[in-house]
C-alpha cells in the first residue's frame, strides 16, 4: 500500500476528533492507529531527521485543518473541531 495523502490524513484527524471530542495529539494518534487503514510504510517510516512519518503527517493535517478553520485549539496542546458558529481563535 502506498503512503496516504494529506487529504486522507485530514479526514482521519476529523474522524478522530468527532469520536473523541477535544483531545491531545497522543489520543488522536492512538485513535487513528486503531481505527483507520494506515499504510505500514507510514507507521514505520521516518523522516531524514528520524521523526516518525505517521505523526508528522497527522501534525501537518492538523495545521491544514486549523488554517482552513475546521479545528481549533481551545487550550494549549488540545485539538478540537470548531463548531460552525464559533469564531476563529486568535
N, C-alpha and C. Protein backbone atom coordinates (compact mmCIF):
# COMPACT_ATOMS: atom_id res chain seq x y z
N UNK A 1 0.84 -1.17 0.00
CA UNK A 1 0.00 0.00 0.00
C UNK A 1 0.89 1.25 0.00
N UNK A 2 0.52 2.24 -0.76
CA UNK A 2 1.31 3.46 -0.82
C UNK A 2 0.98 4.38 0.34
N UNK A 3 1.81 5.38 0.52
CA UNK A 3 1.59 6.34 1.60
C UNK A 3 0.27 7.06 1.41
N UNK A 4 -0.37 7.36 2.52
CA UNK A 4 -1.66 8.06 2.49
C UNK A 4 -1.45 9.53 2.13
N UNK A 5 -2.43 10.11 1.46
CA UNK A 5 -2.35 11.51 1.05
C UNK A 5 -2.62 12.44 2.23
N UNK A 6 -2.26 13.70 2.05
CA UNK A 6 -2.51 14.71 3.08
C UNK A 6 -4.01 14.85 3.31
N UNK A 7 -4.79 14.77 2.25
CA UNK A 7 -6.25 14.86 2.35
C UNK A 7 -6.79 13.70 3.20
N UNK A 8 -6.23 12.51 3.02
CA UNK A 8 -6.65 11.36 3.80
C UNK A 8 -6.33 11.57 5.28
N UNK A 9 -5.15 12.09 5.56
CA UNK A 9 -4.79 12.38 6.95
C UNK A 9 -5.75 13.40 7.56
N UNK A 10 -6.14 14.40 6.79
CA UNK A 10 -7.10 15.40 7.30
C UNK A 10 -8.41 14.72 7.67
N UNK A 11 -8.87 13.82 6.81
CA UNK A 11 -10.11 13.09 7.08
C UNK A 11 -9.97 12.27 8.36
N UNK A 12 -8.82 11.62 8.54
CA UNK A 12 -8.61 10.82 9.74
C UNK A 12 -8.61 11.67 11.01
N UNK A 13 -7.99 12.85 10.95
CA UNK A 13 -7.96 13.73 12.12
C UNK A 13 -9.39 14.17 12.46
N UNK A 14 -10.17 14.56 11.46
CA UNK A 14 -11.56 14.95 11.70
C UNK A 14 -12.34 13.78 12.30
N UNK A 15 -12.18 12.58 11.73
CA UNK A 15 -12.88 11.40 12.26
C UNK A 15 -12.52 11.17 13.73
N UNK A 16 -11.25 11.30 14.06
CA UNK A 16 -10.82 11.05 15.44
C UNK A 16 -11.43 12.08 16.39
N UNK A 17 -11.44 13.35 15.98
CA UNK A 17 -12.00 14.38 16.85
C UNK A 17 -13.52 14.28 16.97
N UNK A 18 -14.18 13.78 15.93
CA UNK A 18 -15.62 13.53 16.04
C UNK A 18 -15.88 12.43 17.08
N UNK A 19 -15.03 11.41 17.08
CA UNK A 19 -15.20 10.29 18.00
C UNK A 19 -14.77 10.64 19.43
N UNK A 20 -13.68 11.40 19.56
CA UNK A 20 -13.10 11.65 20.87
C UNK A 20 -13.54 12.96 21.52
N UNK A 21 -13.89 13.94 20.72
CA UNK A 21 -14.08 15.28 21.25
C UNK A 21 -12.71 15.94 21.39
N UNK A 22 -12.63 17.10 22.04
CA UNK A 22 -11.34 17.78 22.19
C UNK A 22 -10.31 16.83 22.81
N UNK A 23 -9.13 16.76 22.17
CA UNK A 23 -8.14 15.77 22.58
C UNK A 23 -6.72 16.26 22.41
N UNK A 24 -5.84 15.64 23.14
CA UNK A 24 -4.40 15.88 22.99
C UNK A 24 -3.91 15.07 21.79
N UNK A 25 -2.80 15.49 21.18
CA UNK A 25 -2.30 14.79 19.99
C UNK A 25 -2.11 13.28 20.18
N UNK A 26 -1.58 12.85 21.32
CA UNK A 26 -1.35 11.42 21.53
C UNK A 26 -2.64 10.61 21.40
N UNK A 27 -3.74 11.14 21.95
CA UNK A 27 -5.02 10.45 21.85
C UNK A 27 -5.48 10.38 20.40
N UNK A 28 -5.23 11.44 19.63
CA UNK A 28 -5.59 11.45 18.21
C UNK A 28 -4.75 10.41 17.47
N UNK A 29 -3.44 10.39 17.70
CA UNK A 29 -2.57 9.39 17.06
C UNK A 29 -3.07 7.98 17.37
N UNK A 30 -3.34 7.72 18.65
CA UNK A 30 -3.77 6.38 19.07
C UNK A 30 -5.09 5.99 18.41
N UNK A 31 -6.05 6.93 18.37
CA UNK A 31 -7.35 6.62 17.76
C UNK A 31 -7.19 6.31 16.28
N UNK A 32 -6.40 7.10 15.58
CA UNK A 32 -6.20 6.87 14.15
C UNK A 32 -5.52 5.51 13.93
N UNK A 33 -4.50 5.21 14.73
CA UNK A 33 -3.81 3.90 14.58
C UNK A 33 -4.78 2.74 14.74
N UNK A 34 -5.73 2.87 15.66
CA UNK A 34 -6.66 1.77 15.94
C UNK A 34 -7.82 1.69 14.96
N UNK A 35 -8.20 2.82 14.34
CA UNK A 35 -9.45 2.86 13.58
C UNK A 35 -9.34 3.16 12.10
N UNK A 36 -8.17 3.49 11.61
CA UNK A 36 -8.03 3.84 10.20
C UNK A 36 -7.01 2.92 9.52
N UNK A 37 -7.16 2.71 8.20
CA UNK A 37 -6.25 1.81 7.47
C UNK A 37 -4.94 2.51 7.07
N UNK A 38 -4.07 2.72 8.01
CA UNK A 38 -2.82 3.43 7.77
C UNK A 38 -1.83 2.51 7.06
N UNK A 39 -1.23 2.97 5.97
CA UNK A 39 -0.23 2.16 5.29
C UNK A 39 0.95 1.87 6.23
N UNK A 40 1.45 0.66 6.20
CA UNK A 40 2.55 0.30 7.10
C UNK A 40 3.78 1.15 6.84
N UNK A 41 3.96 1.61 5.60
CA UNK A 41 5.10 2.48 5.29
C UNK A 41 5.02 3.79 6.09
N UNK A 42 3.81 4.28 6.31
CA UNK A 42 3.65 5.50 7.10
C UNK A 42 3.92 5.24 8.58
N UNK A 43 3.48 4.10 9.08
CA UNK A 43 3.65 3.79 10.51
C UNK A 43 5.11 3.53 10.86
N UNK A 44 5.84 2.88 9.97
CA UNK A 44 7.22 2.52 10.28
C UNK A 44 8.25 3.48 9.69
N UNK A 45 7.80 4.34 8.78
CA UNK A 45 8.73 5.26 8.12
C UNK A 45 9.18 6.39 9.03
N UNK A 46 10.34 6.92 8.69
CA UNK A 46 10.87 8.07 9.41
C UNK A 46 11.34 9.12 8.40
N UNK A 47 11.40 10.34 8.87
CA UNK A 47 11.91 11.43 8.04
C UNK A 47 13.43 11.39 8.09
N UNK A 48 14.07 12.26 7.32
CA UNK A 48 15.54 12.28 7.29
C UNK A 48 16.14 12.60 8.65
N UNK A 49 15.39 13.29 9.51
CA UNK A 49 15.90 13.60 10.85
C UNK A 49 15.42 12.62 11.92
N UNK A 50 14.81 11.50 11.50
CA UNK A 50 14.42 10.44 12.42
C UNK A 50 13.03 10.57 13.02
N UNK A 51 12.27 11.55 12.60
CA UNK A 51 10.92 11.74 13.12
C UNK A 51 9.96 10.72 12.51
N UNK A 52 9.00 10.25 13.31
CA UNK A 52 8.02 9.28 12.83
C UNK A 52 7.16 9.92 11.74
N UNK A 53 7.08 9.28 10.58
CA UNK A 53 6.37 9.81 9.43
C UNK A 53 4.87 9.95 9.70
N UNK A 54 4.27 8.95 10.34
CA UNK A 54 2.85 8.99 10.64
C UNK A 54 2.51 10.21 11.50
N UNK A 55 3.22 10.41 12.60
CA UNK A 55 2.92 11.52 13.50
C UNK A 55 3.17 12.87 12.82
N UNK A 56 4.19 12.95 12.00
CA UNK A 56 4.45 14.20 11.28
C UNK A 56 3.29 14.50 10.33
N UNK A 57 2.79 13.49 9.62
CA UNK A 57 1.67 13.69 8.70
C UNK A 57 0.40 14.09 9.43
N UNK A 58 0.17 13.54 10.62
CA UNK A 58 -1.00 13.93 11.42
C UNK A 58 -0.87 15.40 11.83
N UNK A 59 0.31 15.82 12.23
CA UNK A 59 0.51 17.22 12.62
C UNK A 59 0.31 18.17 11.44
N UNK A 60 0.77 17.77 10.25
CA UNK A 60 0.54 18.60 9.06
C UNK A 60 -0.95 18.68 8.74
N UNK A 61 -1.65 17.58 8.92
CA UNK A 61 -3.09 17.59 8.68
C UNK A 61 -3.77 18.55 9.66
N UNK A 62 -3.35 18.52 10.92
CA UNK A 62 -3.89 19.45 11.92
C UNK A 62 -3.63 20.89 11.50
N UNK A 63 -2.43 21.17 11.01
CA UNK A 63 -2.08 22.51 10.55
C UNK A 63 -3.01 22.94 9.41
N UNK A 64 -3.18 22.07 8.42
CA UNK A 64 -4.06 22.37 7.28
C UNK A 64 -5.50 22.62 7.74
N UNK A 65 -5.99 21.78 8.65
CA UNK A 65 -7.36 21.92 9.15
C UNK A 65 -7.53 23.19 9.97
N UNK A 66 -6.53 23.55 10.75
CA UNK A 66 -6.60 24.79 11.54
C UNK A 66 -6.59 26.00 10.61
N UNK A 67 -5.75 25.96 9.60
CA UNK A 67 -5.68 27.06 8.64
C UNK A 67 -7.01 27.23 7.90
N UNK A 68 -7.69 26.12 7.63
CA UNK A 68 -8.99 26.16 6.94
C UNK A 68 -10.14 26.51 7.89
N UNK A 69 -9.86 26.58 9.20
CA UNK A 69 -10.90 26.92 10.16
C UNK A 69 -11.74 25.74 10.62
N UNK A 70 -11.31 24.53 10.32
CA UNK A 70 -12.06 23.34 10.68
C UNK A 70 -11.84 22.93 12.13
N UNK A 71 -10.62 23.13 12.62
CA UNK A 71 -10.32 22.79 14.01
C UNK A 71 -9.68 23.98 14.70
N UNK A 72 -9.69 23.92 16.02
CA UNK A 72 -9.10 24.98 16.84
C UNK A 72 -8.34 24.33 17.98
N UNK A 73 -7.74 25.18 18.78
CA UNK A 73 -7.05 24.72 19.98
C UNK A 73 -7.64 25.48 21.16
N UNK A 74 -8.68 24.90 21.82
CA UNK A 74 -9.34 25.60 22.92
C UNK A 74 -8.42 25.85 24.11
N UNK A 75 -7.38 25.04 24.25
CA UNK A 75 -6.35 25.27 25.26
C UNK A 75 -5.06 24.66 24.73
N UNK A 76 -3.96 25.08 25.31
CA UNK A 76 -2.65 24.63 24.83
C UNK A 76 -2.57 23.11 24.77
N UNK A 77 -2.18 22.60 23.60
CA UNK A 77 -1.99 21.17 23.43
C UNK A 77 -3.26 20.37 23.24
N UNK A 78 -4.38 21.03 22.98
CA UNK A 78 -5.65 20.34 22.77
C UNK A 78 -6.18 20.70 21.39
N UNK A 79 -6.61 19.70 20.64
CA UNK A 79 -7.20 19.88 19.32
C UNK A 79 -8.69 19.64 19.43
N UNK A 80 -9.48 20.44 18.74
CA UNK A 80 -10.94 20.28 18.78
C UNK A 80 -11.55 20.73 17.46
N UNK A 81 -12.64 20.09 17.10
CA UNK A 81 -13.40 20.54 15.93
C UNK A 81 -14.06 21.86 16.29
N UNK A 82 -14.07 22.76 15.37
CA UNK A 82 -14.71 24.05 15.58
C UNK A 82 -16.17 23.91 15.18
N UNK A 83 -17.05 24.39 16.03
CA UNK A 83 -18.47 24.36 15.65
C UNK A 83 -18.68 25.41 14.57
N UNK A 84 -19.63 25.22 13.69
CA UNK A 84 -19.85 26.15 12.59
C UNK A 84 -20.08 27.59 13.05
N UNK A 85 -20.60 27.78 14.25
CA UNK A 85 -20.92 29.13 14.70
C UNK A 85 -19.82 29.76 15.55
N UNK A 86 -18.77 29.00 15.89
CA UNK A 86 -17.75 29.58 16.76
C UNK A 86 -16.76 30.42 15.96
N UNK A 87 -16.32 31.54 16.57
CA UNK A 87 -15.37 32.41 15.87
C UNK A 87 -13.98 31.79 15.87
N UNK A 88 -13.13 32.17 14.92
CA UNK A 88 -11.77 31.64 14.89
C UNK A 88 -11.00 32.06 16.12
N UNK A 89 -10.06 31.19 16.57
CA UNK A 89 -9.21 31.54 17.71
C UNK A 89 -8.11 32.49 17.25
N UNK A 90 -7.63 33.30 18.16
CA UNK A 90 -6.55 34.25 17.80
C UNK A 90 -5.26 33.54 17.53
